[in-house]
């Protein structure tokens, strides 16, 4: 994802200098984890979002300690370091499995309300 840039806007930060959270859909992942599943699931999650025409911002937590800490503190996942993670307007949406399941059951739109 981070190498390809796909259709996402890639940013260095999640929180601006004045403390505002990035708005819209934000996909948190890491390009430096060394875990092939993180890269695979990030690519698949990005394909789901792109396929549904959902614009998003990709944030590389491997290069951004502020974003990494934000995901750890705000993820409702039992394993908050599991990547990728998806947020909408600062609210936790889920990990790859949650988004994949919602997509397969045609309930993806409900995650963004």
C-alpha atoms as a PDB file:
ATOM      1  CA  UNK A   1       0.000   0.000   0.000  1.00  0.00           C
ATOM      2  CA  UNK A   2       2.590   2.545   1.017  1.00  0.00           C
ATOM      3  CA  UNK A   3       4.846   1.636  -1.895  1.00  0.00           C
ATOM      4  CA  UNK A   4       2.020   1.675  -4.412  1.00  0.00           C
ATOM      5  CA  UNK A   5       0.195   4.653  -2.897  1.00  0.00           C
ATOM      6  CA  UNK A   6      -2.928   3.220  -4.565  1.00  0.00           C
ATOM      7  CA  UNK A   7      -5.619   5.902  -4.449  1.00  0.00           C
ATOM      8  CA  UNK A   8      -4.936   7.028  -0.914  1.00  0.00           C
ATOM      9  CA  UNK A   9      -3.447  10.204   0.351  1.00  0.00           C
ATOM     10  CA  UNK A  10      -0.431   9.359   2.483  1.00  0.00           C
ATOM     11  CA  UNK A  11       0.328  11.627   5.430  1.00  0.00           C
ATOM     12  CA  UNK A  12       2.930  11.776   8.175  1.00  0.00           C
ATOM     13  CA  UNK A  13       0.569  12.589  11.017  1.00  0.00           C
ATOM     14  CA  UNK A  14      -2.777  11.838  12.457  1.00  0.00           C
ATOM     15  CA  UNK A  15      -3.007  14.792  14.796  1.00  0.00           C
ATOM     16  CA  UNK A  16      -2.318  18.325  13.637  1.00  0.00           C
ATOM     17  CA  UNK A  17      -0.306  20.797  15.667  1.00  0.00           C
ATOM     18  CA  UNK A  18      -3.486  22.158  17.236  1.00  0.00           C
ATOM     19  CA  UNK A  19      -4.616  18.682  18.298  1.00  0.00           C
ATOM     20  CA  UNK A  20      -7.270  18.147  15.621  1.00  0.00           C
ATOM     21  CA  UNK A  21      -7.830  14.575  14.513  1.00  0.00           C
ATOM     22  CA  UNK A  22      -7.664  13.783  10.806  1.00  0.00           C
ATOM     23  CA  UNK A  23     -11.247  13.720   9.487  1.00  0.00           C
ATOM     24  CA  UNK A  24     -12.734  11.101   7.221  1.00  0.00           C
ATOM     25  CA  UNK A  25     -11.630   7.501   6.840  1.00  0.00           C
ATOM     26  CA  UNK A  26      -8.091   6.808   8.059  1.00  0.00           C
ATOM     27  CA  UNK A  27      -6.294   3.528   7.428  1.00  0.00           C
ATOM     28  CA  UNK A  28      -3.461   2.904   9.890  1.00  0.00           C
ATOM     29  CA  UNK A  29      -0.786   0.398   8.964  1.00  0.00           C
ATOM     30  CA  UNK A  30       2.976  -0.004   8.878  1.00  0.00           C
ATOM     31  CA  UNK A  31       5.446  -0.408   6.067  1.00  0.00           C
ATOM     32  CA  UNK A  32       8.254  -1.449   8.412  1.00  0.00           C
ATOM     33  CA  UNK A  33       6.689  -4.245  10.449  1.00  0.00           C
ATOM     34  CA  UNK A  34       8.253  -7.150   8.576  1.00  0.00           C
ATOM     35  CA  UNK A  35       4.955  -8.997   8.944  1.00  0.00           C
ATOM     36  CA  UNK A  36       3.651 -10.215   5.575  1.00  0.00           C
ATOM     37  CA  UNK A  37       0.101 -10.446   6.945  1.00  0.00           C
ATOM     38  CA  UNK A  38       0.051  -6.730   7.787  1.00  0.00           C
ATOM     39  CA  UNK A  39       1.000  -5.876   4.210  1.00  0.00           C
ATOM     40  CA  UNK A  40      -1.466  -8.412   2.778  1.00  0.00           C
ATOM     41  CA  UNK A  41      -4.385  -7.278   4.960  1.00  0.00           C
ATOM     42  CA  UNK A  42      -3.589  -3.609   4.379  1.00  0.00           C
ATOM     43  CA  UNK A  43      -3.657  -4.146   0.618  1.00  0.00           C
ATOM     44  CA  UNK A  44      -6.923  -6.084   0.848  1.00  0.00           C
ATOM     45  CA  UNK A  45      -8.543  -3.482   3.088  1.00  0.00           C
ATOM     46  CA  UNK A  46      -7.447  -0.756   0.660  1.00  0.00           C
ATOM     47  CA  UNK A  47      -8.956  -2.743  -2.229  1.00  0.00           C
ATOM     48  CA  UNK A  48     -12.281  -2.941  -0.382  1.00  0.00           C
ATOM     49  CA  UNK A  49     -12.297   0.818   0.260  1.00  0.00           C
ATOM     50  CA  UNK A  50     -11.232   1.624  -3.305  1.00  0.00           C
ATOM     51  CA  UNK A  51     -13.792  -0.815  -4.715  1.00  0.00           C
ATOM     52  CA  UNK A  52     -16.573   0.891  -2.781  1.00  0.00           C
ATOM     53  CA  UNK A  53     -15.323   4.346  -3.776  1.00  0.00           C
ATOM     54  CA  UNK A  54     -14.560   5.310  -0.176  1.00  0.00           C
ATOM     55  CA  UNK A  55     -11.794   7.931  -0.014  1.00  0.00           C
ATOM     56  CA  UNK A  56      -9.305   7.450   2.792  1.00  0.00           C
ATOM     57  CA  UNK A  57      -6.017   8.631   4.184  1.00  0.00           C
ATOM     58  CA  UNK A  58      -3.290   6.053   4.824  1.00  0.00           C
ATOM     59  CA  UNK A  59      -1.091   6.659   7.857  1.00  0.00           C
ATOM     60  CA  UNK A  60       2.153   4.752   8.354  1.00  0.00           C
ATOM     61  CA  UNK A  61       2.446   4.141  12.109  1.00  0.00           C
ATOM     62  CA  UNK A  62       5.867   2.589  11.612  1.00  0.00           C
ATOM     63  CA  UNK A  63       7.250   6.018  10.782  1.00  0.00           C
ATOM     64  CA  UNK A  64       5.027   8.067  13.066  1.00  0.00           C
ATOM     65  CA  UNK A  65       5.158   7.538  16.841  1.00  0.00           C
ATOM     66  CA  UNK A  66       2.253   9.952  17.404  1.00  0.00           C
ATOM     67  CA  UNK A  67      -0.011   7.937  15.105  1.00  0.00           C
ATOM     68  CA  UNK A  68       1.171   4.655  16.629  1.00  0.00           C
ATOM     69  CA  UNK A  69       0.290   5.871  20.129  1.00  0.00           C
ATOM     70  CA  UNK A  70      -3.068   7.209  18.890  1.00  0.00           C
ATOM     71  CA  UNK A  71      -4.003   3.787  17.482  1.00  0.00           C
ATOM     72  CA  UNK A  72      -2.918   2.006  20.666  1.00  0.00           C
ATOM     73  CA  UNK A  73      -4.974   4.316  22.872  1.00  0.00           C
ATOM     74  CA  UNK A  74      -8.098   4.540  20.697  1.00  0.00           C
ATOM     75  CA  UNK A  75      -8.425   1.070  19.223  1.00  0.00           C
ATOM     76  CA  UNK A  76     -11.131  -1.074  20.753  1.00  0.00           C
ATOM     77  CA  UNK A  77      -9.423  -4.157  19.381  1.00  0.00           C
ATOM     78  CA  UNK A  78      -8.246  -6.609  22.025  1.00  0.00           C
ATOM     79  CA  UNK A  79      -4.892  -6.521  20.225  1.00  0.00           C
ATOM     80  CA  UNK A  80      -4.458  -2.816  19.446  1.00  0.00           C
ATOM     81  CA  UNK A  81      -1.107  -3.378  17.776  1.00  0.00           C
ATOM     82  CA  UNK A  82      -2.753  -5.600  15.176  1.00  0.00           C
ATOM     83  CA  UNK A  83      -2.652  -3.741  11.892  1.00  0.00           C
ATOM     84  CA  UNK A  84      -4.288  -2.502   9.788  1.00  0.00           C
ATOM     85  CA  UNK A  85      -6.802  -0.496  11.786  1.00  0.00           C
ATOM     86  CA  UNK A  86      -9.559   1.709  10.373  1.00  0.00           C
ATOM     87  CA  UNK A  87     -10.974   4.889  11.928  1.00  0.00           C
ATOM     88  CA  UNK A  88     -13.692   7.277  10.771  1.00  0.00           C
ATOM     89  CA  UNK A  89     -13.671  10.882  12.015  1.00  0.00           C
ATOM     90  CA  UNK A  90     -11.484   9.772  14.914  1.00  0.00           C
ATOM     91  CA  UNK A  91     -13.762   6.875  15.888  1.00  0.00           C
ATOM     92  CA  UNK A  92     -12.532   3.292  15.789  1.00  0.00           C
ATOM     93  CA  UNK A  93     -14.201   1.234  13.038  1.00  0.00           C
ATOM     94  CA  UNK A  94     -12.288  -2.038  13.214  1.00  0.00           C
ATOM     95  CA  UNK A  95      -9.476  -4.154  11.901  1.00  0.00           C
ATOM     96  CA  UNK A  96      -9.261  -5.970   8.575  1.00  0.00           C
ATOM     97  CA  UNK A  97     -11.527  -8.814   9.693  1.00  0.00           C
ATOM     98  CA  UNK A  98     -14.299  -6.454  10.821  1.00  0.00           C
ATOM     99  CA  UNK A  99     -14.232  -4.551   7.534  1.00  0.00           C
ATOM    100  CA  UNK A 100     -14.004  -7.737   5.457  1.00  0.00           C
ATOM    101  CA  UNK A 101     -17.011  -9.226   7.250  1.00  0.00           C
ATOM    102  CA  UNK A 102     -19.043  -6.028   6.854  1.00  0.00           C
ATOM    103  CA  UNK A 103     -18.173  -5.943   3.161  1.00  0.00           C
ATOM    104  CA  UNK A 104     -19.208  -9.577   2.646  1.00  0.00           C
ATOM    105  CA  UNK A 105     -22.511  -9.059   4.458  1.00  0.00           C
ATOM    106  CA  UNK A 106     -23.189  -5.790   2.612  1.00  0.00           C
ATOM    107  CA  UNK A 107     -23.188  -3.794   5.861  1.00  0.00           C
ATOM    108  CA  UNK A 108     -19.998  -1.798   5.271  1.00  0.00           C
ATOM    109  CA  UNK A 109     -21.940   1.451   4.991  1.00  0.00           C
ATOM    110  CA  UNK A 110     -23.196   0.984   8.563  1.00  0.00           C
ATOM    111  CA  UNK A 111     -19.649   1.292   9.914  1.00  0.00           C
ATOM    112  CA  UNK A 112     -19.419   4.894   8.708  1.00  0.00           C
ATOM    113  CA  UNK A 113     -22.508   6.331  10.411  1.00  0.00           C
END
